[in-house]
C-alpha atoms as a PDB file:
ATOM      1  CA  MET A   1       6.828 -73.948  64.265  1.00  0.00           C
ATOM      2  CA  ALA A   2       3.104 -75.491  63.351  1.00  0.00           C
ATOM      3  CA  THR A   3       2.141 -78.174  61.421  1.00  0.00           C
ATOM      4  CA  TRP A   4       0.222 -78.123  57.645  1.00  0.00           C
ATOM      5  CA  GLY A   5      -1.737 -81.072  56.940  1.00  0.00           C
ATOM      6  CA  SER A   6      -3.240 -82.690  60.346  1.00  0.00           C
ATOM      7  CA  ARG A   7      -6.021 -79.368  59.887  1.00  0.00           C
ATOM      8  CA  GLY A   8      -7.244 -80.622  56.539  1.00  0.00           C
ATOM      9  CA  LEU A   9      -8.887 -78.277  53.905  1.00  0.00           C
ATOM     10  CA  ARG A  10     -10.954 -76.591  56.979  1.00  0.00           C
ATOM     11  CA  GLY A  11     -12.228 -72.957  55.806  1.00  0.00           C
ATOM     12  CA  SER A  12     -11.726 -74.500  52.445  1.00  0.00           C
ATOM     13  CA  ALA A  13     -15.680 -73.653  51.742  1.00  0.00           C
ATOM     14  CA  LEU A  14     -15.793 -69.959  52.430  1.00  0.00           C
ATOM     15  CA  GLU A  15     -12.515 -69.635  51.092  1.00  0.00           C
ATOM     16  CA  GLU A  16     -14.171 -70.234  48.161  1.00  0.00           C
ATOM     17  CA  MET A  17     -17.530 -68.759  48.409  1.00  0.00           C
ATOM     18  CA  ILE A  18     -14.958 -65.490  48.794  1.00  0.00           C
ATOM     19  CA  ASN A  19     -12.688 -66.174  45.535  1.00  0.00           C
ATOM     20  CA  TYR A  20     -15.489 -66.546  43.975  1.00  0.00           C
ATOM     21  CA  THR A  21     -16.738 -62.997  44.941  1.00  0.00           C
ATOM     22  CA  ASN A  22     -13.731 -61.740  44.849  1.00  0.00           C
ATOM     23  CA  GLU A  23     -13.435 -62.667  41.534  1.00  0.00           C
ATOM     24  CA  ASP A  24     -16.457 -61.614  40.296  1.00  0.00           C
ATOM     25  CA  TYR A  25     -16.015 -57.908  41.759  1.00  0.00           C
ATOM     26  CA  ARG A  26     -12.246 -57.925  40.168  1.00  0.00           C
ATOM     27  CA  SER A  27     -14.267 -58.280  36.275  1.00  0.00           C
ATOM     28  CA  ARG A  28     -16.492 -55.821  37.319  1.00  0.00           C
ATOM     29  CA  ASN A  29     -14.102 -53.658  38.710  1.00  0.00           C
ATOM     30  CA  LEU A  30     -15.364 -53.143  41.616  1.00  0.00           C
ATOM     31  CA  ALA A  31     -12.648 -53.956  43.880  1.00  0.00           C
ATOM     32  CA  LEU A  32      -9.322 -56.081  43.132  1.00  0.00           C
ATOM     33  CA  VAL A  33      -9.068 -58.506  46.382  1.00  0.00           C
ATOM     34  CA  GLN A  34      -6.655 -61.458  46.737  1.00  0.00           C
ATOM     35  CA  LYS A  35      -6.144 -63.934  48.630  1.00  0.00           C
ATOM     36  CA  VAL A  36      -2.642 -63.812  50.349  1.00  0.00           C
ATOM     37  CA  PRO A  37      -0.632 -67.412  50.350  1.00  0.00           C
ATOM     38  CA  THR A  38       0.613 -68.792  53.715  1.00  0.00           C
ATOM     39  CA  PRO A  39       4.724 -69.515  52.829  1.00  0.00           C
ATOM     40  CA  ILE A  40       5.322 -73.264  53.310  1.00  0.00           C
ATOM     41  CA  THR A  41       7.611 -75.514  53.685  1.00  0.00           C
ATOM     42  CA  PRO A  42       6.721 -79.050  52.559  1.00  0.00           C
ATOM     43  CA  ILE A  43       7.828 -82.554  54.364  1.00  0.00           C
ATOM     44  CA  ASN A  44       5.883 -85.257  52.748  1.00  0.00           C
ATOM     45  CA  ILE A  45       4.740 -85.111  49.144  1.00  0.00           C
ATOM     46  CA  ASP A  46       2.229 -88.500  47.712  1.00  0.00           C
ATOM     47  CA  GLN A  47       4.937 -88.945  44.863  1.00  0.00           C
ATOM     48  CA  GLN A  48       1.390 -90.068  43.167  1.00  0.00           C
ATOM     49  CA  THR A  49      -0.827 -87.399  43.229  1.00  0.00           C
ATOM     50  CA  ARG A  50       2.248 -84.874  43.862  1.00  0.00           C
ATOM     51  CA  HIS A  51      -0.206 -83.806  47.022  1.00  0.00           C
ATOM     52  CA  ILE A  52       1.706 -82.059  50.215  1.00  0.00           C
ATOM     53  CA  THR A  53       0.325 -84.521  52.679  1.00  0.00           C
ATOM     54  CA  LEU A  54       2.493 -82.728  55.591  1.00  0.00           C
ATOM     55  CA  ALA A  55       4.141 -79.171  55.945  1.00  0.00           C
ATOM     56  CA  TYR A  56       5.833 -76.702  57.888  1.00  0.00           C
ATOM     57  CA  PHE A  57       4.708 -72.934  57.943  1.00  0.00           C
ATOM     58  CA  ASP A  58       7.704 -70.966  56.981  1.00  0.00           C
ATOM     59  CA  GLN A  59       6.425 -67.996  59.113  1.00  0.00           C
ATOM     60  CA  GLN A  60       3.038 -66.060  60.810  1.00  0.00           C
ATOM     61  CA  SER A  61       0.499 -65.061  57.920  1.00  0.00           C
ATOM     62  CA  THR A  62      -0.896 -62.159  58.285  1.00  0.00           C
ATOM     63  CA  VAL A  63      -4.198 -62.167  56.778  1.00  0.00           C
ATOM     64  CA  ASP A  64      -6.153 -64.111  54.490  1.00  0.00           C
ATOM     65  CA  TYR A  65      -7.131 -61.366  51.836  1.00  0.00           C
ATOM     66  CA  ILE A  66      -5.357 -58.321  50.956  1.00  0.00           C
ATOM     67  CA  GLY A  67      -6.638 -55.489  48.665  1.00  0.00           C
ATOM     68  CA  VAL A  68      -8.762 -52.454  47.346  1.00  0.00           C
ATOM     69  CA  VAL A  69     -11.819 -51.467  47.461  1.00  0.00           C
ATOM     70  CA  GLN A  70     -12.400 -48.479  44.456  1.00  0.00           C
ATOM     71  CA  GLY A  71      -9.514 -46.150  46.269  1.00  0.00           C
ATOM     72  CA  ILE A  72      -9.778 -48.334  49.990  1.00  0.00           C
ATOM     73  CA  PRO A  73      -6.928 -50.351  50.861  1.00  0.00           C
ATOM     74  CA  VAL A  74      -8.793 -53.638  52.948  1.00  0.00           C
ATOM     75  CA  CYS A  75      -7.403 -56.378  54.645  1.00  0.00           C
ATOM     76  CA  PHE A  76      -9.606 -59.214  56.175  1.00  0.00           C
ATOM     77  CA  ASP A  77      -9.213 -63.102  57.314  1.00  0.00           C
ATOM     78  CA  ALA A  78     -12.370 -65.431  57.356  1.00  0.00           C
ATOM     79  CA  LYS A  79     -13.011 -66.945  60.440  1.00  0.00           C
ATOM     80  CA  GLU A  80     -15.580 -70.042  60.381  1.00  0.00           C
ATOM     81  CA  CYS A  81     -17.465 -71.069  62.904  1.00  0.00           C
ATOM     82  CA  GLN A  82     -19.837 -73.918  64.090  1.00  0.00           C
ATOM     83  CA  THR A  83     -21.781 -72.460  67.362  1.00  0.00           C
ATOM     84  CA  ASP A  84     -23.036 -69.271  68.494  1.00  0.00           C
ATOM     85  CA  THR A  85     -19.825 -68.264  70.277  1.00  0.00           C
ATOM     86  CA  PHE A  86     -16.681 -68.020  68.669  1.00  0.00           C
ATOM     87  CA  PRO A  87     -13.524 -68.555  70.248  1.00  0.00           C
ATOM     88  CA  LEU A  88     -10.784 -65.438  70.608  1.00  0.00           C
ATOM     89  CA  ALA A  89      -7.958 -68.409  70.339  1.00  0.00           C
ATOM     90  CA  ASN A  90      -9.008 -68.408  66.421  1.00  0.00           C
ATOM     91  CA  VAL A  91      -7.377 -65.198  66.330  1.00  0.00           C
ATOM     92  CA  HIS A  92      -4.260 -64.962  66.654  1.00  0.00           C
ATOM     93  CA  GLU A  93      -1.742 -61.696  68.635  1.00  0.00           C
ATOM     94  CA  HIS A  94      -0.032 -60.654  64.827  1.00  0.00           C
ATOM     95  CA  GLN A  95      -3.388 -61.261  63.146  1.00  0.00           C
ATOM     96  CA  VAL A  96      -4.683 -58.348  65.707  1.00  0.00           C
ATOM     97  CA  ARG A  97      -1.487 -56.341  65.325  1.00  0.00           C
ATOM     98  CA  PHE A  98      -1.625 -55.848  62.074  1.00  0.00           C
ATOM     99  CA  MET A  99      -5.330 -55.232  61.458  1.00  0.00           C
ATOM    100  CA  GLU A 100      -4.233 -52.197  63.595  1.00  0.00           C
ATOM    101  CA  ASP A 101      -1.840 -51.088  61.795  1.00  0.00           C
ATOM    102  CA  TRP A 102      -3.466 -51.259  58.752  1.00  0.00           C
ATOM    103  CA  GLU A 103      -6.160 -49.371  59.931  1.00  0.00           C
ATOM    104  CA  LYS A 104      -3.656 -46.981  61.779  1.00  0.00           C
ATOM    105  CA  GLN A 105      -2.240 -46.371  57.882  1.00  0.00           C
ATOM    106  CA  GLU A 106      -6.044 -45.725  57.094  1.00  0.00           C
ATOM    107  CA  GLY A 107      -7.079 -48.693  55.458  1.00  0.00           C
ATOM    108  CA  ILE A 108     -10.204 -51.141  56.494  1.00  0.00           C
ATOM    109  CA  ALA A 109      -9.944 -54.022  58.016  1.00  0.00           C
ATOM    110  CA  PHE A 110     -12.494 -56.930  59.284  1.00  0.00           C
ATOM    111  CA  ILE A 111     -13.223 -60.140  59.930  1.00  0.00           C
ATOM    112  CA  LEU A 112     -15.288 -62.535  57.116  1.00  0.00           C
ATOM    113  CA  LEU A 113     -17.651 -64.614  59.946  1.00  0.00           C
ATOM    114  CA  TYR A 114     -19.159 -67.855  58.608  1.00  0.00           C
ATOM    115  CA  TYR A 115     -21.590 -69.462  60.842  1.00  0.00           C
ATOM    116  CA  THR A 116     -21.722 -72.318  59.408  1.00  0.00           C
ATOM    117  CA  THR A 117     -24.961 -74.796  61.358  1.00  0.00           C
ATOM    118  CA  ARG A 118     -26.457 -71.049  60.540  1.00  0.00           C
ATOM    119  CA  GLN A 119     -25.144 -70.591  57.320  1.00  0.00           C
ATOM    120  CA  GLU A 120     -25.004 -66.845  57.486  1.00  0.00           C
ATOM    121  CA  ALA A 121     -22.384 -64.738  57.237  1.00  0.00           C
ATOM    122  CA  TYR A 122     -21.006 -61.615  58.746  1.00  0.00           C
ATOM    123  CA  TYR A 123     -18.801 -58.112  58.284  1.00  0.00           C
ATOM    124  CA  LEU A 124     -16.856 -57.802  61.898  1.00  0.00           C
ATOM    125  CA  PRO A 125     -15.231 -54.191  61.762  1.00  0.00           C
ATOM    126  CA  PHE A 126     -11.830 -54.278  62.888  1.00  0.00           C
ATOM    127  CA  ARG A 127     -13.182 -52.134  65.771  1.00  0.00           C
ATOM    128  CA  ASP A 128     -15.313 -54.804  67.034  1.00  0.00           C
ATOM    129  CA  LEU A 129     -12.727 -56.930  67.586  1.00  0.00           C
ATOM    130  CA  LYS A 130     -10.739 -54.744  69.109  1.00  0.00           C
ATOM    131  CA  PHE A 131     -13.628 -54.383  71.628  1.00  0.00           C
ATOM    132  CA  PHE A 132     -13.794 -58.318  72.109  1.00  0.00           C
ATOM    133  CA  TRP A 133      -9.839 -58.581  72.157  1.00  0.00           C
ATOM    134  CA  ASP A 134      -9.399 -55.876  74.553  1.00  0.00           C
ATOM    135  CA  ARG A 135     -12.184 -57.626  76.851  1.00  0.00           C
ATOM    136  CA  MET A 136     -10.395 -60.939  76.750  1.00  0.00           C
ATOM    137  CA  GLN A 137      -6.953 -59.807  77.317  1.00  0.00           C
ATOM    138  CA  ASN A 138      -8.720 -57.407  79.962  1.00  0.00           C
ATOM    139  CA  GLY A 139      -9.581 -60.868  81.561  1.00  0.00           C
ATOM    140  CA  GLY A 140     -13.142 -60.886  80.362  1.00  0.00           C
ATOM    141  CA  ARG A 141     -14.547 -63.700  78.000  1.00  0.00           C
ATOM    142  CA  LYS A 142     -12.819 -65.563  75.466  1.00  0.00           C
ATOM    143  CA  SER A 143     -14.948 -65.578  72.953  1.00  0.00           C
ATOM    144  CA  PHE A 144     -17.896 -63.580  71.980  1.00  0.00           C
ATOM    145  CA  ARG A 145     -21.532 -64.612  71.551  1.00  0.00           C
ATOM    146  CA  LEU A 146     -23.451 -64.286  67.773  1.00  0.00           C
ATOM    147  CA  GLU A 147     -25.707 -61.644  69.873  1.00  0.00           C
ATOM    148  CA  GLU A 148     -23.241 -59.460  70.071  1.00  0.00           C
ATOM    149  CA  ILE A 149     -22.433 -58.906  66.713  1.00  0.00           C
ATOM    150  CA  ASP A 150     -23.934 -55.849  64.663  1.00  0.00           C
ATOM    151  CA  LYS A 151     -26.844 -57.873  62.900  1.00  0.00           C
ATOM    152  CA  ASN A 152     -26.758 -54.465  60.598  1.00  0.00           C
ATOM    153  CA  TYR A 153     -23.160 -55.967  58.963  1.00  0.00           C
ATOM    154  CA  LYS A 154     -24.830 -59.592  58.096  1.00  0.00           C
ATOM    155  CA  VAL A 155     -23.539 -60.343  54.806  1.00  0.00           C
ATOM    156  CA  ASN A 156     -26.007 -62.121  51.960  1.00  0.00           C
ATOM    157  CA  LEU A 157     -25.748 -65.038  50.457  1.00  0.00           C
ATOM    158  CA  LYS A 158     -26.188 -65.025  46.812  1.00  0.00           C
ATOM    159  CA  ASN A 159     -26.727 -68.288  44.893  1.00  0.00           C
ATOM    160  CA  GLY A 160     -25.594 -70.002  47.487  1.00  0.00           C
ATOM    161  CA  VAL A 161     -22.401 -69.015  47.624  1.00  0.00           C
ATOM    162  CA  TYR A 162     -21.685 -65.146  46.765  1.00  0.00           C
ATOM    163  CA  LEU A 163     -20.445 -63.367  49.734  1.00  0.00           C
ATOM    164  CA  HIS A 164     -21.690 -59.607  48.776  1.00  0.00           C
ATOM    165  CA  TYR A 165     -18.981 -58.230  51.521  1.00  0.00           C
ATOM    166  CA  LEU A 166     -19.097 -55.092  49.667  1.00  0.00           C
ATOM    167  CA  GLU A 167     -22.656 -53.840  51.214  1.00  0.00           C
ATOM    168  CA  ALA A 168     -21.320 -54.131  55.003  1.00  0.00           C
ATOM    169  CA  LEU A 169     -17.928 -52.159  54.092  1.00  0.00           C
ATOM    170  CA  GLN A 170     -19.746 -49.444  52.350  1.00  0.00           C
ATOM    171  CA  LEU A 171     -21.993 -49.352  56.169  1.00  0.00           C
ATOM    172  CA  ASP A 172     -18.302 -49.623  58.287  1.00  0.00           C
ATOM    173  CA  LEU A 173     -17.544 -46.614  55.591  1.00  0.00           C
ATOM    174  CA  VAL A 174     -20.052 -44.549  56.635  1.00  0.00           C
ATOM    175  CA  GLY A 175     -20.355 -45.012  60.540  1.00  0.00           C
ATOM    176  CA  ARG A 176     -16.459 -43.452  60.077  1.00  0.00           C
ATOM    177  CA  GLU A 177     -17.245 -40.729  58.853  1.00  0.00           C
END
């Protein structure tokens, strides 16, 4: 069973940007996408602040976000990377299986990948993630580099917080036709 607490608020800035974006999309009736809560069992709670300081994950989570965009089911995970190389160890096999099953049901699955030092975000279509994953499974690299990502899927940052990923999703949809 994995523990929660030692990793702090890793990824929280990216999640805040995504949550802000999703709320904006909802308010404009463009999409309804919500964060999937990760079920945890609290072990230690600071009695003064009532904050959980140690917990265990109850089960493996699927992806970070699930929703619908103009009738199209979407699911995605948010990942951060500090260097130009993204380790595939940051994606779990059960997540890849879930995304693959999602796409078999005619949904769209992807990764929103944020390069923190560059302050750049990219939409990584599931088919690209699957290519990198299969390459690793067949004895190849256990990571992929920024230059391997299709730059057409760069997600624009607006006002420093707004991750407008629907433009990249539209490009992905056009590529599937």
